[in-house]
Each structure stands twice: as structure tokens, then as C-alpha cells.
Amino acid sequence: MLEYHHSMSQVLAVDVGGTKTAVGIVDGTGTILEKRIAQSPRGDPVAVVALVRSMAESLCVPTRTVVALGLALPGVLDHPGEVLLRSPSSGWYEVPFTRLFSEALGLPAIADNDVNACALAEATFGGGAGLDSFFWMTVSTGVGGALYQGGRVLAGANGMAGEIGHLVVKADGALCGCGNHGCLEAEAAGPAWSRKLIAQQADSSGAYVAASGHTPLDARAIAESARKGDPRCLHVVDQVSEALACGMAAVLTLFDPQAIFLGGGVAGASDLLLPRIEAKLPGLVLAYDKRNTKITATSLGSDAALLGAAALALRYIERKDFHT
């Protein structure tokens, strides 16, 4: 078991993503004092726990004063936040991650869906501070969402509120990891960009090959090519923007939030996406021109989920009233 000294000043934050896992020490102001990043293991949840323990050991020297652990996990958790019920992007079912991490690291642990954590980070450390309602949408390996209202992230009756990635936006669309067709995740997440480009131009082997290096283009490279005027890549951006606009239209219609924050790796293309989304929304949302909803990229960048995990732990400490 790792050794920690009890203090309210610092927490251990863990962001388990579909591509990378990040572990950091964060203080009460949201400053990341130190962090480690590694590629996420695929398949075995025990390997994820072992990786995080190893990363934590490299961070938590004897002088550290860490008192709680916050976890941002991909997928749907049960309402108490004890069990990851399902993660389509990772293939995990009913994994008691909160207990596993707590036992491995010797810390009280609090967990939530990674996008819920991002919304909490936005409210605590970002542009959502002072807002009564906003929606947080991440577009990365998957697509997720969270509604922040009245000082908390709404969980819903079954802890599944905000799962916009599995809102069907195209009835005859691509097969999603959840088993449905045309989900927002299948039409707009990072893997969808490459698939849409491949569908436009394929070589004899069936794979699109970039002219510069014979390497299939990922979402970041497609966005860069779109900025340079590549018509095929611009078409991909248009298709993704249309899907995202449909998702945001549903959010605006149902919740009428003060703001929508866009995060995740694909948010790096917000300069391309947001103007196109804004152009489509008037035709999708009742009285859109009368609304004052701000739609913008998060200011928290790639650390949003890690800071959300920290915010979870900090709120846990406040509730438990820890003392040194």
C-alpha cells in the first residue's frame, strides 16, 4: 500500500481514457502540480489498475500530502459511482473500478463518468464558473455529454443522463460500438473522420493513403488538410459538423442551457467545426435567433477530465470534512 499523509491540500486525480491514461497531483486551486501520461491498456481492467498504481508511485514521494483519489472513467457508471456498468469504447462490463483503485492505492476513492467529471471541472475551474446551467460535450475516441444544472451534474434515474454519444442522429448511419446504427459517436468521434475519408477515396487495398507519407489520416491530420483546402477533408468536416449540430440541437431543445462547451481531442478542430455548427442550428432549433446560448471550446484543454477527477476528490474531502 502506498503511504500518504492526510491533508486537504492535494488530491490524486486519474483520467482513464480510451487512448491514454493520465495521473496527476492537483491542489485545491486546480493547479496540476505534476502528472504522468501513458497509453491505456486494452482489455484487462486489472492492467489499468496496475498501470495507475505504477504511475502514482512515481508521483507520490513521501513528502506528498494526498488524502483522496478522484477517478474519471469512460462509460456508464451505476448511480453510487461504484461500478462501471458498460464502456462501449473500451469493451468493459460491470467493473468495480472504485473499489479496485481504492484498494490498490490505499485511498478513499470517488468516481464518475469522464464527461461528468469534465463538466464538474468546467464549473469549478473553467468557463462554467458562475453559470447555473450548461452542457459539456466531448468529441474524442468517443462522444459523451453531461448536463450541469443548479450546482451539480445531473445523473438521471439510472445514472445515464447526458449520454449524447448514443443519440441516433442518422437512422441509416454507421454501426456504433453500442450496437445501434447512426449514433452521434459513430458519426462524429475521431474514428468516424477516418472512416468517412476512406469512403471517399480508397486505393486498391481499400484504405485511404495520404499523399505525404502513405499513412492513413487521423482526425487531427484531416482537420489540418481541411484548413489547407483539401476538398475531401472539408467534406468530412461538413459531415461531422452536421452530426454534431443535430446533437446540439437536441440539447438546446430539451435543456435550453446557458452554454455548451466542446472538449476532447476533436475539439482541436473547433475553428472548423463551430462556425459550421452555428450555421446549421437556426434550421434545427426553434427560435434559435432569440437564444443567447454560448457555444465554445473549453478552456481546460486536454486536462479537462483530469481536473474533473480532482474536482470530484476535492468535493469528497469537503463533504467528509477531513483534517490533518
C-alpha atoms as a PDB file:
ATOM      1  CA  MET A   1       0.000   0.000   0.000  1.00  0.00           C
ATOM      2  CA  LEU A   2       1.247   3.496  -0.825  1.00  0.00           C
ATOM      3  CA  GLU A   3       1.921   5.821   2.093  1.00  0.00           C
ATOM      4  CA  TYR A   4       0.091   9.164   2.234  1.00  0.00           C
ATOM      5  CA  HIS A   5      -0.134  11.908   4.854  1.00  0.00           C
ATOM      6  CA  HIS A   6      -3.629  13.267   5.370  1.00  0.00           C
ATOM      7  CA  SER A   7      -4.188  16.808   4.159  1.00  0.00           C
ATOM      8  CA  MET A   8      -6.902  18.713   2.309  1.00  0.00           C
ATOM      9  CA  SER A   9      -4.393  20.494   0.099  1.00  0.00           C
ATOM     10  CA  GLN A  10      -3.706  17.913  -2.594  1.00  0.00           C
ATOM     11  CA  VAL A  11      -5.555  15.063  -4.298  1.00  0.00           C
ATOM     12  CA  LEU A  12      -4.621  12.285  -6.687  1.00  0.00           C
ATOM     13  CA  ALA A  13      -6.537  12.545  -9.972  1.00  0.00           C
ATOM     14  CA  VAL A  14      -6.855   9.732 -12.526  1.00  0.00           C
ATOM     15  CA  ASP A  15      -8.297  10.028 -16.034  1.00  0.00           C
ATOM     16  CA  VAL A  16      -8.727   6.646 -17.735  1.00  0.00           C
ATOM     17  CA  GLY A  17      -9.354   7.367 -21.404  1.00  0.00           C
ATOM     18  CA  GLY A  18      -9.839   5.190 -24.437  1.00  0.00           C
ATOM     19  CA  THR A  19      -6.409   6.156 -25.774  1.00  0.00           C
ATOM     20  CA  LYS A  20      -4.416   7.486 -22.825  1.00  0.00           C
ATOM     21  CA  THR A  21      -4.404   7.322 -19.052  1.00  0.00           C
ATOM     22  CA  ALA A  22      -3.319  10.369 -17.058  1.00  0.00           C
ATOM     23  CA  VAL A  23      -2.460  10.531 -13.366  1.00  0.00           C
ATOM     24  CA  GLY A  24      -1.728  13.782 -11.565  1.00  0.00           C
ATOM     25  CA  ILE A  25      -1.340  15.572  -8.252  1.00  0.00           C
ATOM     26  CA  VAL A  26      -3.731  18.541  -8.145  1.00  0.00           C
ATOM     27  CA  ASP A  27      -4.181  21.196  -5.481  1.00  0.00           C
ATOM     28  CA  GLY A  28      -7.344  22.979  -4.381  1.00  0.00           C
ATOM     29  CA  THR A  29      -6.954  25.752  -6.966  1.00  0.00           C
ATOM     30  CA  GLY A  30      -6.932  23.312  -9.871  1.00  0.00           C
ATOM     31  CA  THR A  31      -3.201  23.575 -10.435  1.00  0.00           C
ATOM     32  CA  ILE A  32      -1.708  20.330 -11.720  1.00  0.00           C
ATOM     33  CA  LEU A  33       1.494  20.067  -9.713  1.00  0.00           C
ATOM     34  CA  GLU A  34       2.797  17.031 -11.548  1.00  0.00           C
ATOM     35  CA  LYS A  35       1.373  14.393 -13.881  1.00  0.00           C
ATOM     36  CA  ARG A  36       2.186  11.273 -15.840  1.00  0.00           C
ATOM     37  CA  ILE A  37       0.610  10.086 -19.117  1.00  0.00           C
ATOM     38  CA  ALA A  38       0.713   6.591 -20.624  1.00  0.00           C
ATOM     39  CA  GLN A  39      -1.112   4.626 -23.291  1.00  0.00           C
ATOM     40  CA  SER A  40      -4.240   2.959 -21.918  1.00  0.00           C
ATOM     41  CA  PRO A  41      -4.068  -0.854 -21.751  1.00  0.00           C
ATOM     42  CA  ARG A  42      -6.732  -2.560 -23.815  1.00  0.00           C
ATOM     43  CA  GLY A  43      -8.915  -5.282 -22.415  1.00  0.00           C
ATOM     44  CA  ASP A  44      -7.907  -6.295 -18.897  1.00  0.00           C
ATOM     45  CA  PRO A  45      -9.152  -3.792 -16.245  1.00  0.00           C
ATOM     46  CA  VAL A  46      -6.604  -5.162 -13.757  1.00  0.00           C
ATOM     47  CA  ALA A  47      -3.844  -3.977 -16.091  1.00  0.00           C
ATOM     48  CA  VAL A  48      -5.292  -0.460 -15.928  1.00  0.00           C
ATOM     49  CA  VAL A  49      -5.228  -0.507 -12.137  1.00  0.00           C
ATOM     50  CA  ALA A  50      -1.646  -1.787 -12.131  1.00  0.00           C
ATOM     51  CA  LEU A  51      -0.588   0.924 -14.573  1.00  0.00           C
ATOM     52  CA  VAL A  52      -2.174   3.674 -12.479  1.00  0.00           C
ATOM     53  CA  ARG A  53      -0.549   2.335  -9.304  1.00  0.00           C
ATOM     54  CA  SER A  54       2.838   2.408 -11.014  1.00  0.00           C
ATOM     55  CA  MET A  55       2.266   5.955 -12.266  1.00  0.00           C
ATOM     56  CA  ALA A  56       1.059   7.059  -8.829  1.00  0.00           C
ATOM     57  CA  GLU A  57       4.134   5.581  -7.172  1.00  0.00           C
ATOM     58  CA  SER A  58       6.313   7.721  -9.421  1.00  0.00           C
ATOM     59  CA  LEU A  59       4.402  10.816  -8.309  1.00  0.00           C
ATOM     60  CA  CYS A  60       3.659  10.268  -4.634  1.00  0.00           C
ATOM     61  CA  VAL A  61       7.002  10.745  -2.911  1.00  0.00           C
ATOM     62  CA  PRO A  62       6.983  10.665   0.933  1.00  0.00           C
ATOM     63  CA  THR A  63       6.591  14.459   1.148  1.00  0.00           C
ATOM     64  CA  ARG A  64       3.318  14.429  -0.771  1.00  0.00           C
ATOM     65  CA  THR A  65       0.176  15.151   1.211  1.00  0.00           C
ATOM     66  CA  VAL A  66      -2.581  13.397  -0.725  1.00  0.00           C
ATOM     67  CA  VAL A  67      -5.793  12.467   1.024  1.00  0.00           C
ATOM     68  CA  ALA A  68      -8.260  11.268  -1.632  1.00  0.00           C
ATOM     69  CA  LEU A  69      -8.466   9.852  -5.133  1.00  0.00           C
ATOM     70  CA  GLY A  70     -10.734  11.080  -7.924  1.00  0.00           C
ATOM     71  CA  LEU A  71     -11.466   8.879 -10.944  1.00  0.00           C
ATOM     72  CA  ALA A  72     -12.755   9.912 -14.368  1.00  0.00           C
ATOM     73  CA  LEU A  73     -13.854   6.719 -16.134  1.00  0.00           C
ATOM     74  CA  PRO A  74     -15.118   6.076 -19.692  1.00  0.00           C
ATOM     75  CA  GLY A  75     -18.679   4.802 -19.982  1.00  0.00           C
ATOM     76  CA  VAL A  76     -21.754   4.432 -17.794  1.00  0.00           C
ATOM     77  CA  LEU A  77     -21.403   4.043 -14.016  1.00  0.00           C
ATOM     78  CA  ASP A  78     -24.020   2.927 -11.526  1.00  0.00           C
ATOM     79  CA  HIS A  79     -25.660   5.735  -9.581  1.00  0.00           C
ATOM     80  CA  PRO A  80     -23.411   5.442  -6.490  1.00  0.00           C
ATOM     81  CA  GLY A  81     -20.368   5.585  -8.785  1.00  0.00           C
ATOM     82  CA  GLU A  82     -19.020   2.240  -7.586  1.00  0.00           C
ATOM     83  CA  VAL A  83     -19.229   0.092 -10.729  1.00  0.00           C
ATOM     84  CA  LEU A  84     -18.501   0.862 -14.375  1.00  0.00           C
ATOM     85  CA  LEU A  85     -21.556  -0.782 -15.929  1.00  0.00           C
ATOM     86  CA  ARG A  86     -20.527  -0.535 -19.567  1.00  0.00           C
ATOM     87  CA  SER A  87     -17.872   1.166 -21.659  1.00  0.00           C
ATOM     88  CA  PRO A  88     -18.515   0.575 -25.392  1.00  0.00           C
ATOM     89  CA  SER A  89     -15.218   2.239 -26.381  1.00  0.00           C
ATOM     90  CA  SER A  90     -13.167   0.028 -24.030  1.00  0.00           C
ATOM     91  CA  GLY A  91     -15.279  -3.142 -24.031  1.00  0.00           C
ATOM     92  CA  TRP A  92     -15.629  -3.211 -20.214  1.00  0.00           C
ATOM     93  CA  TYR A  93     -18.721  -4.534 -18.428  1.00  0.00           C
ATOM     94  CA  GLU A  94     -19.551  -4.281 -14.707  1.00  0.00           C
ATOM     95  CA  VAL A  95     -16.058  -3.496 -13.417  1.00  0.00           C
ATOM     96  CA  PRO A  96     -15.858  -2.311  -9.747  1.00  0.00           C
ATOM     97  CA  PHE A  97     -13.137   0.214 -10.554  1.00  0.00           C
ATOM     98  CA  THR A  98     -13.745   2.416  -7.494  1.00  0.00           C
ATOM     99  CA  ARG A  99     -13.034  -0.433  -5.092  1.00  0.00           C
ATOM    100  CA  LEU A 100     -10.130  -1.772  -7.162  1.00  0.00           C
ATOM    101  CA  PHE A 101      -8.388   1.600  -7.288  1.00  0.00           C
ATOM    102  CA  SER A 102      -9.065   2.360  -3.643  1.00  0.00           C
ATOM    103  CA  GLU A 103      -7.576  -0.958  -2.535  1.00  0.00           C
ATOM    104  CA  ALA A 104      -4.579  -0.660  -4.853  1.00  0.00           C
ATOM    105  CA  LEU A 105      -3.698   2.898  -3.840  1.00  0.00           C
ATOM    106  CA  GLY A 106      -4.796   2.903  -0.212  1.00  0.00           C
ATOM    107  CA  LEU A 107      -7.001   5.981  -0.645  1.00  0.00           C
ATOM    108  CA  PRO A 108     -10.706   6.712  -0.365  1.00  0.00           C
ATOM    109  CA  ALA A 109     -11.911   6.980  -3.969  1.00  0.00           C
ATOM    110  CA  ILE A 110     -14.748   8.784  -5.723  1.00  0.00           C
ATOM    111  CA  ALA A 111     -15.561   8.082  -9.389  1.00  0.00           C
ATOM    112  CA  ASP A 112     -17.772   9.402 -12.158  1.00  0.00           C
ATOM    113  CA  ASN A 113     -18.164   9.208 -15.900  1.00  0.00           C
ATOM    114  CA  ASP A 114     -15.313  11.119 -17.561  1.00  0.00           C
ATOM    115  CA  VAL A 115     -17.601  13.652 -19.236  1.00  0.00           C
ATOM    116  CA  ASN A 116     -19.482  14.298 -15.998  1.00  0.00           C
ATOM    117  CA  ALA A 117     -16.067  14.947 -14.486  1.00  0.00           C
ATOM    118  CA  CYS A 118     -15.240  17.375 -17.296  1.00  0.00           C
ATOM    119  CA  ALA A 119     -18.440  19.303 -16.605  1.00  0.00           C
ATOM    120  CA  LEU A 120     -17.573  19.478 -12.921  1.00  0.00           C
ATOM    121  CA  ALA A 121     -14.103  20.769 -13.834  1.00  0.00           C
ATOM    122  CA  GLU A 122     -15.658  23.433 -16.075  1.00  0.00           C
ATOM    123  CA  ALA A 123     -17.906  24.572 -13.230  1.00  0.00           C
ATOM    124  CA  THR A 124     -15.068  24.541 -10.703  1.00  0.00           C
ATOM    125  CA  PHE A 125     -12.060  25.804 -12.650  1.00  0.00           C
ATOM    126  CA  GLY A 126     -13.264  26.922 -16.102  1.00  0.00           C
ATOM    127  CA  GLY A 127     -15.742  28.979 -18.064  1.00  0.00           C
ATOM    128  CA  GLY A 128     -18.737  27.380 -16.369  1.00  0.00           C
ATOM    129  CA  ALA A 129     -17.961  29.082 -13.055  1.00  0.00           C
ATOM    130  CA  GLY A 130     -20.932  31.273 -12.182  1.00  0.00           C
ATOM    131  CA  LEU A 131     -23.290  29.651 -14.698  1.00  0.00           C
ATOM    132  CA  ASP A 132     -26.443  27.948 -13.449  1.00  0.00           C
ATOM    133  CA  SER A 133     -26.749  25.610 -16.436  1.00  0.00           C
ATOM    134  CA  PHE A 134     -24.526  24.359 -19.211  1.00  0.00           C
ATOM    135  CA  PHE A 135     -23.916  21.246 -21.293  1.00  0.00           C
ATOM    136  CA  TRP A 136     -20.443  19.726 -21.716  1.00  0.00           C
ATOM    137  CA  MET A 137     -19.782  17.668 -24.851  1.00  0.00           C
ATOM    138  CA  THR A 138     -16.611  15.732 -25.539  1.00  0.00           C
ATOM    139  CA  VAL A 139     -15.664  14.519 -29.012  1.00  0.00           C
ATOM    140  CA  SER A 140     -12.639  12.256 -28.988  1.00  0.00           C
ATOM    141  CA  THR A 141     -12.318   8.466 -29.342  1.00  0.00           C
ATOM    142  CA  GLY A 142     -15.979   8.527 -28.333  1.00  0.00           C
ATOM    143  CA  VAL A 143     -18.644  11.182 -27.822  1.00  0.00           C
ATOM    144  CA  GLY A 144     -20.163  11.977 -24.444  1.00  0.00           C
ATOM    145  CA  GLY A 145     -22.124  14.676 -22.699  1.00  0.00           C
ATOM    146  CA  ALA A 146     -23.101  15.984 -19.284  1.00  0.00           C
ATOM    147  CA  LEU A 147     -25.688  18.487 -18.106  1.00  0.00           C
ATOM    148  CA  TYR A 148     -24.686  20.778 -15.236  1.00  0.00           C
ATOM    149  CA  GLN A 149     -27.683  22.351 -13.522  1.00  0.00           C
ATOM    150  CA  GLY A 150     -28.111  24.085 -10.179  1.00  0.00           C
ATOM    151  CA  GLY A 151     -24.667  23.326  -8.802  1.00  0.00           C
ATOM    152  CA  ARG A 152     -24.364  19.679  -9.811  1.00  0.00           C
ATOM    153  CA  VAL A 153     -24.114  17.308 -12.751  1.00  0.00           C
ATOM    154  CA  LEU A 154     -27.482  15.638 -13.285  1.00  0.00           C
ATOM    155  CA  ALA A 155     -27.279  11.850 -13.127  1.00  0.00           C
ATOM    156  CA  GLY A 156     -30.820  10.894 -14.144  1.00  0.00           C
ATOM    157  CA  ALA A 157     -32.824   7.997 -12.753  1.00  0.00           C
ATOM    158  CA  ASN A 158     -30.212   5.415 -13.754  1.00  0.00           C
ATOM    159  CA  GLY A 159     -27.036   7.489 -13.835  1.00  0.00           C
ATOM    160  CA  MET A 160     -27.180   7.746 -17.635  1.00  0.00           C
ATOM    161  CA  ALA A 161     -28.268  11.350 -18.199  1.00  0.00           C
ATOM    162  CA  GLY A 162     -26.322  13.217 -20.842  1.00  0.00           C
ATOM    163  CA  GLU A 163     -25.178  10.180 -22.874  1.00  0.00           C
ATOM    164  CA  ILE A 164     -25.493  12.138 -26.088  1.00  0.00           C
ATOM    165  CA  GLY A 165     -22.955   9.958 -27.873  1.00  0.00           C
ATOM    166  CA  HIS A 166     -25.667   7.339 -28.260  1.00  0.00           C
ATOM    167  CA  LEU A 167     -28.325   9.683 -29.527  1.00  0.00           C
ATOM    168  CA  VAL A 168     -29.204   8.479 -33.032  1.00  0.00           C
ATOM    169  CA  VAL A 169     -28.603  11.337 -35.482  1.00  0.00           C
ATOM    170  CA  LYS A 170     -28.630   9.306 -38.719  1.00  0.00           C
ATOM    171  CA  ALA A 171     -31.040   6.385 -38.891  1.00  0.00           C
ATOM    172  CA  ASP A 172     -29.146   4.580 -41.659  1.00  0.00           C
ATOM    173  CA  GLY A 173     -25.718   5.559 -40.327  1.00  0.00           C
ATOM    174  CA  ALA A 174     -22.617   3.648 -39.301  1.00  0.00           C
ATOM    175  CA  LEU A 175     -22.658   0.821 -36.772  1.00  0.00           C
ATOM    176  CA  CYS A 176     -21.780   2.073 -33.289  1.00  0.00           C
ATOM    177  CA  GLY A 177     -19.921   0.171 -30.594  1.00  0.00           C
ATOM    178  CA  CYS A 178     -23.143   0.086 -28.576  1.00  0.00           C
ATOM    179  CA  GLY A 179     -24.827  -1.982 -31.294  1.00  0.00           C
ATOM    180  CA  ASN A 180     -27.078   0.714 -32.780  1.00  0.00           C
ATOM    181  CA  HIS A 181     -26.645   2.477 -36.108  1.00  0.00           C
ATOM    182  CA  GLY A 182     -26.135   6.198 -36.646  1.00  0.00           C
ATOM    183  CA  CYS A 183     -25.280   7.228 -33.084  1.00  0.00           C
ATOM    184  CA  LEU A 184     -23.569  10.608 -32.746  1.00  0.00           C
ATOM    185  CA  GLU A 185     -20.446   8.749 -31.593  1.00  0.00           C
ATOM    186  CA  ALA A 186     -20.410   6.649 -34.770  1.00  0.00           C
ATOM    187  CA  GLU A 187     -20.888   9.750 -36.939  1.00  0.00           C
ATOM    188  CA  ALA A 188     -18.603  12.315 -35.269  1.00  0.00           C
ATOM    189  CA  ALA A 189     -15.962  10.715 -32.998  1.00  0.00           C
ATOM    190  CA  GLY A 190     -12.333  10.541 -34.118  1.00  0.00           C
ATOM    191  CA  PRO A 191     -12.587   7.124 -35.826  1.00  0.00           C
ATOM    192  CA  ALA A 192     -15.535   8.368 -37.885  1.00  0.00           C
ATOM    193  CA  TRP A 193     -13.370  11.029 -39.525  1.00  0.00           C
ATOM    194  CA  SER A 194     -11.007   8.448 -40.981  1.00  0.00           C
ATOM    195  CA  ARG A 195     -13.854   6.170 -41.991  1.00  0.00           C
ATOM    196  CA  LYS A 196     -15.626   8.987 -43.828  1.00  0.00           C
ATOM    197  CA  LEU A 197     -12.453   9.898 -45.668  1.00  0.00           C
ATOM    198  CA  ILE A 198     -11.778   6.274 -46.609  1.00  0.00           C
ATOM    199  CA  ALA A 199     -15.282   6.085 -48.049  1.00  0.00           C
ATOM    200  CA  GLN A 200     -14.450   8.932 -50.435  1.00  0.00           C
ATOM    201  CA  GLN A 201     -11.193   7.708 -51.859  1.00  0.00           C
ATOM    202  CA  ALA A 202      -9.673   4.291 -51.458  1.00  0.00           C
ATOM    203  CA  ASP A 203      -6.698   2.626 -53.076  1.00  0.00           C
ATOM    204  CA  SER A 204      -6.633  -0.978 -54.284  1.00  0.00           C
ATOM    205  CA  SER A 205      -6.198  -2.242 -50.721  1.00  0.00           C
ATOM    206  CA  GLY A 206      -9.286  -0.402 -49.518  1.00  0.00           C
ATOM    207  CA  ALA A 207      -7.516   2.194 -47.392  1.00  0.00           C
ATOM    208  CA  TYR A 208      -7.132   5.906 -47.999  1.00  0.00           C
ATOM    209  CA  VAL A 209      -3.442   6.784 -48.266  1.00  0.00           C
ATOM    210  CA  ALA A 210      -2.123  10.254 -47.519  1.00  0.00           C
ATOM    211  CA  ALA A 211      -0.052  11.715 -50.307  1.00  0.00           C
ATOM    212  CA  SER A 212       2.709  12.844 -47.952  1.00  0.00           C
ATOM    213  CA  GLY A 213       3.607   9.626 -46.186  1.00  0.00           C
ATOM    214  CA  HIS A 214       1.383   6.724 -47.196  1.00  0.00           C
ATOM    215  CA  THR A 215      -0.217   6.884 -43.749  1.00  0.00           C
ATOM    216  CA  PRO A 216      -3.997   6.800 -43.153  1.00  0.00           C
ATOM    217  CA  LEU A 217      -5.112  10.209 -41.894  1.00  0.00           C
ATOM    218  CA  ASP A 218      -6.497  10.625 -38.370  1.00  0.00           C
ATOM    219  CA  ALA A 219      -8.922  13.367 -37.291  1.00  0.00           C
ATOM    220  CA  ARG A 220      -6.161  15.852 -36.473  1.00  0.00           C
ATOM    221  CA  ALA A 221      -4.475  15.375 -39.845  1.00  0.00           C
ATOM    222  CA  ILE A 222      -7.801  15.551 -41.671  1.00  0.00           C
ATOM    223  CA  ALA A 223      -8.560  18.858 -39.943  1.00  0.00           C
ATOM    224  CA  GLU A 224      -5.162  20.227 -40.915  1.00  0.00           C
ATOM    225  CA  SER A 225      -5.691  19.208 -44.539  1.00  0.00           C
ATOM    226  CA  ALA A 226      -9.140  20.801 -44.446  1.00  0.00           C
ATOM    227  CA  ARG A 227      -7.577  24.070 -43.319  1.00  0.00           C
ATOM    228  CA  LYS A 228      -5.361  23.879 -46.409  1.00  0.00           C
ATOM    229  CA  GLY A 229      -8.397  23.458 -48.629  1.00  0.00           C
ATOM    230  CA  ASP A 230      -8.434  19.714 -49.358  1.00  0.00           C
ATOM    231  CA  PRO A 231     -11.988  19.198 -50.668  1.00  0.00           C
ATOM    232  CA  ARG A 232     -12.279  15.605 -49.402  1.00  0.00           C
ATOM    233  CA  CYS A 233     -11.235  16.627 -45.887  1.00  0.00           C
ATOM    234  CA  LEU A 234     -13.529  19.642 -45.981  1.00  0.00           C
ATOM    235  CA  HIS A 235     -16.373  17.276 -46.864  1.00  0.00           C
ATOM    236  CA  VAL A 236     -15.549  15.166 -43.789  1.00  0.00           C
ATOM    237  CA  VAL A 237     -15.629  18.304 -41.623  1.00  0.00           C
ATOM    238  CA  ASP A 238     -19.019  19.226 -43.107  1.00  0.00           C
ATOM    239  CA  GLN A 239     -20.413  15.747 -42.377  1.00  0.00           C
ATOM    240  CA  VAL A 240     -19.130  15.740 -38.801  1.00  0.00           C
ATOM    241  CA  SER A 241     -20.430  19.274 -38.236  1.00  0.00           C
ATOM    242  CA  GLU A 242     -23.885  18.249 -39.428  1.00  0.00           C
ATOM    243  CA  ALA A 243     -23.950  15.327 -36.985  1.00  0.00           C
ATOM    244  CA  LEU A 244     -22.750  17.490 -34.099  1.00  0.00           C
ATOM    245  CA  ALA A 245     -25.305  20.173 -34.963  1.00  0.00           C
ATOM    246  CA  CYS A 246     -28.068  17.559 -34.708  1.00  0.00           C
ATOM    247  CA  GLY A 247     -26.781  16.551 -31.281  1.00  0.00           C
ATOM    248  CA  MET A 248     -26.502  20.130 -30.060  1.00  0.00           C
ATOM    249  CA  ALA A 249     -29.970  20.924 -31.428  1.00  0.00           C
ATOM    250  CA  ALA A 250     -31.388  18.191 -29.200  1.00  0.00           C
ATOM    251  CA  VAL A 251     -29.559  19.652 -26.199  1.00  0.00           C
ATOM    252  CA  LEU A 252     -30.817  23.169 -26.929  1.00  0.00           C
ATOM    253  CA  THR A 253     -34.379  21.995 -27.455  1.00  0.00           C
ATOM    254  CA  LEU A 254     -34.561  19.840 -24.329  1.00  0.00           C
ATOM    255  CA  PHE A 255     -32.489  21.828 -21.823  1.00  0.00           C
ATOM    256  CA  ASP A 256     -32.033  25.405 -23.120  1.00  0.00           C
ATOM    257  CA  PRO A 257     -28.644  25.777 -21.334  1.00  0.00           C
ATOM    258  CA  GLN A 258     -26.701  28.999 -20.934  1.00  0.00           C
ATOM    259  CA  ALA A 259     -23.685  27.475 -22.675  1.00  0.00           C
ATOM    260  CA  ILE A 260     -22.409  24.400 -24.490  1.00  0.00           C
ATOM    261  CA  PHE A 261     -18.723  23.606 -24.010  1.00  0.00           C
ATOM    262  CA  LEU A 262     -16.937  21.418 -26.561  1.00  0.00           C
ATOM    263  CA  GLY A 263     -13.944  19.368 -25.420  1.00  0.00           C
ATOM    264  CA  GLY A 264     -11.955  16.265 -26.293  1.00  0.00           C
ATOM    265  CA  GLY A 265      -9.298  15.693 -28.915  1.00  0.00           C
ATOM    266  CA  VAL A 266     -11.542  16.596 -31.846  1.00  0.00           C
ATOM    267  CA  ALA A 267     -12.255  19.954 -30.178  1.00  0.00           C
ATOM    268  CA  GLY A 268      -8.837  20.933 -31.506  1.00  0.00           C
ATOM    269  CA  ALA A 269     -10.711  21.442 -34.763  1.00  0.00           C
ATOM    270  CA  SER A 270     -13.265  23.774 -33.159  1.00  0.00           C
ATOM    271  CA  ASP A 271     -12.173  26.575 -35.515  1.00  0.00           C
ATOM    272  CA  LEU A 272     -13.550  24.443 -38.358  1.00  0.00           C
ATOM    273  CA  LEU A 273     -16.481  22.844 -36.572  1.00  0.00           C
ATOM    274  CA  LEU A 274     -18.124  25.633 -34.575  1.00  0.00           C
ATOM    275  CA  PRO A 275     -18.831  28.056 -37.451  1.00  0.00           C
ATOM    276  CA  ARG A 276     -20.412  25.227 -39.442  1.00  0.00           C
ATOM    277  CA  ILE A 277     -22.459  24.059 -36.450  1.00  0.00           C
ATOM    278  CA  GLU A 278     -23.657  27.615 -35.760  1.00  0.00           C
ATOM    279  CA  ALA A 279     -24.717  27.940 -39.393  1.00  0.00           C
ATOM    280  CA  LYS A 280     -26.835  24.773 -39.196  1.00  0.00           C
ATOM    281  CA  LEU A 281     -28.536  25.354 -35.835  1.00  0.00           C
ATOM    282  CA  PRO A 282     -31.084  28.003 -36.957  1.00  0.00           C
ATOM    283  CA  GLY A 283     -32.687  25.377 -39.193  1.00  0.00           C
ATOM    284  CA  LEU A 284     -32.783  22.803 -36.391  1.00  0.00           C
ATOM    285  CA  VAL A 285     -33.762  24.738 -33.247  1.00  0.00           C
ATOM    286  CA  LEU A 286     -36.971  26.666 -32.592  1.00  0.00           C
ATOM    287  CA  ALA A 287     -36.356  30.412 -32.239  1.00  0.00           C
ATOM    288  CA  TYR A 288     -32.595  29.894 -32.267  1.00  0.00           C
ATOM    289  CA  ASP A 289     -32.026  33.577 -33.075  1.00  0.00           C
ATOM    290  CA  LYS A 290     -33.766  34.518 -29.786  1.00  0.00           C
ATOM    291  CA  ARG A 291     -31.469  32.383 -27.628  1.00  0.00           C
ATOM    292  CA  ASN A 292     -28.261  33.615 -26.059  1.00  0.00           C
ATOM    293  CA  THR A 293     -26.581  30.235 -25.579  1.00  0.00           C
ATOM    294  CA  LYS A 294     -22.809  30.455 -25.866  1.00  0.00           C
ATOM    295  CA  ILE A 295     -21.233  27.589 -27.832  1.00  0.00           C
ATOM    296  CA  THR A 296     -17.483  27.454 -27.378  1.00  0.00           C
ATOM    297  CA  ALA A 297     -14.479  25.200 -26.922  1.00  0.00           C
ATOM    298  CA  THR A 298     -13.448  24.543 -23.330  1.00  0.00           C
ATOM    299  CA  SER A 299     -10.508  26.498 -21.953  1.00  0.00           C
ATOM    300  CA  LEU A 300      -9.360  23.445 -19.957  1.00  0.00           C
ATOM    301  CA  GLY A 301      -7.898  21.644 -22.978  1.00  0.00           C
ATOM    302  CA  SER A 302      -6.746  18.057 -22.725  1.00  0.00           C
ATOM    303  CA  ASP A 303      -6.608  18.247 -18.902  1.00  0.00           C
ATOM    304  CA  ALA A 304     -10.371  18.664 -18.501  1.00  0.00           C
ATOM    305  CA  ALA A 305     -11.084  15.098 -17.353  1.00  0.00           C
ATOM    306  CA  LEU A 306      -8.038  15.029 -15.071  1.00  0.00           C
ATOM    307  CA  LEU A 307      -9.148  18.285 -13.454  1.00  0.00           C
ATOM    308  CA  GLY A 308     -12.646  16.833 -13.202  1.00  0.00           C
ATOM    309  CA  ALA A 309     -11.294  13.838 -11.320  1.00  0.00           C
ATOM    310  CA  ALA A 310      -9.549  16.282  -8.986  1.00  0.00           C
ATOM    311  CA  ALA A 311     -12.767  18.265  -8.509  1.00  0.00           C
ATOM    312  CA  LEU A 312     -14.567  15.035  -7.557  1.00  0.00           C
ATOM    313  CA  ALA A 313     -11.943  14.286  -4.908  1.00  0.00           C
ATOM    314  CA  LEU A 314     -11.950  17.865  -3.593  1.00  0.00           C
ATOM    315  CA  ARG A 315     -15.731  17.823  -3.184  1.00  0.00           C
ATOM    316  CA  TYR A 316     -15.467  14.457  -1.458  1.00  0.00           C
ATOM    317  CA  ILE A 317     -12.993  15.966   1.010  1.00  0.00           C
ATOM    318  CA  GLU A 318     -15.346  18.877   1.696  1.00  0.00           C
ATOM    319  CA  ARG A 319     -18.234  16.520   2.427  1.00  0.00           C
ATOM    320  CA  LYS A 320     -16.147  14.329   4.709  1.00  0.00           C
ATOM    321  CA  ASP A 321     -14.576  17.359   6.446  1.00  0.00           C
ATOM    322  CA  PHE A 322     -11.083  15.812   6.536  1.00  0.00           C
ATOM    323  CA  HIS A 323      -8.475  17.182   8.925  1.00  0.00           C
ATOM    324  CA  THR A 324      -4.733  16.673   9.158  1.00  0.00           C
END
